[in-house]
Amino acid sequence: MADQIRELLNVYDAAGGVVGSMERGDAKAKGFAAGAVQLLLVNREGRVLLQRRRDDKENGGLWDKSVGGHVQAGETFDAALVREANEELFGRADADRVVLVDDLHATAADFRPVRVSRVRTELGLRDIRYAATPGRPVINVTYHAAMYLGWTALALADFRPQEDELAGLGYFEPAEVDRMLVTGELAPNMAFLWFALGGLATRRG
């Protein structure tokens, strides 16, 4: 956790321009907007891949988006998403299993099994989560968040989830994600992403 707090991130102005870099803990404490990437990944049956957070992490024990993370100093949102997806789903930033595309439904021209496309970017998004500290206090931070949809034909056994971040992965029907949201099984910051992209993520064709 100490290494994560010292992670050097881009910080942004209200219009989304990079104004410098700052350690993660300082950026959050001082109220600067950091950059975040968020992905919903869907398989060929229209089921949504979710990750379960480790108990000792923020939102520990809850189910969360397929991939999420911070934009490091000097990174673009797109580069951060590809790095985080390779890390969280395949265990290494250089796993080279994820490709960014303009159209998820176009004929695949790349061998990589996870295809992702940016859908929208939200500036000044208020993010609420449980802290990874005793008592799990609720904290809030401000993000400029780039949101992505993705497609894959991989089975669960084909992933190699990042052991120091995730307790596991699972595929869920959209109706099950709806139920988990209202029963409190999802991370609180998953709600906006699901409201914003859930319909698109599960649209067939």
Foldseek 3Di string as FASTA:
>chain_A
DVVQQQFKFFFADQVRHTDFIGGNVVCFVVQTAFAKEFEWEAEPVLWTKWFAWDQLAWQHRFIEGNWMDTHGPPGDRVLVVQQRNCCFWANGSPPPQEDEDDDQPDDDPDDRFKYKYWDDWAGFDWAWIFHSDPVRDIDIHTYGYTYMYMYGNDDLVVTDGHVVTTPGMDIHHLVVVVVCQVVVRHTPRRVVVCVVCVVVNRDDD
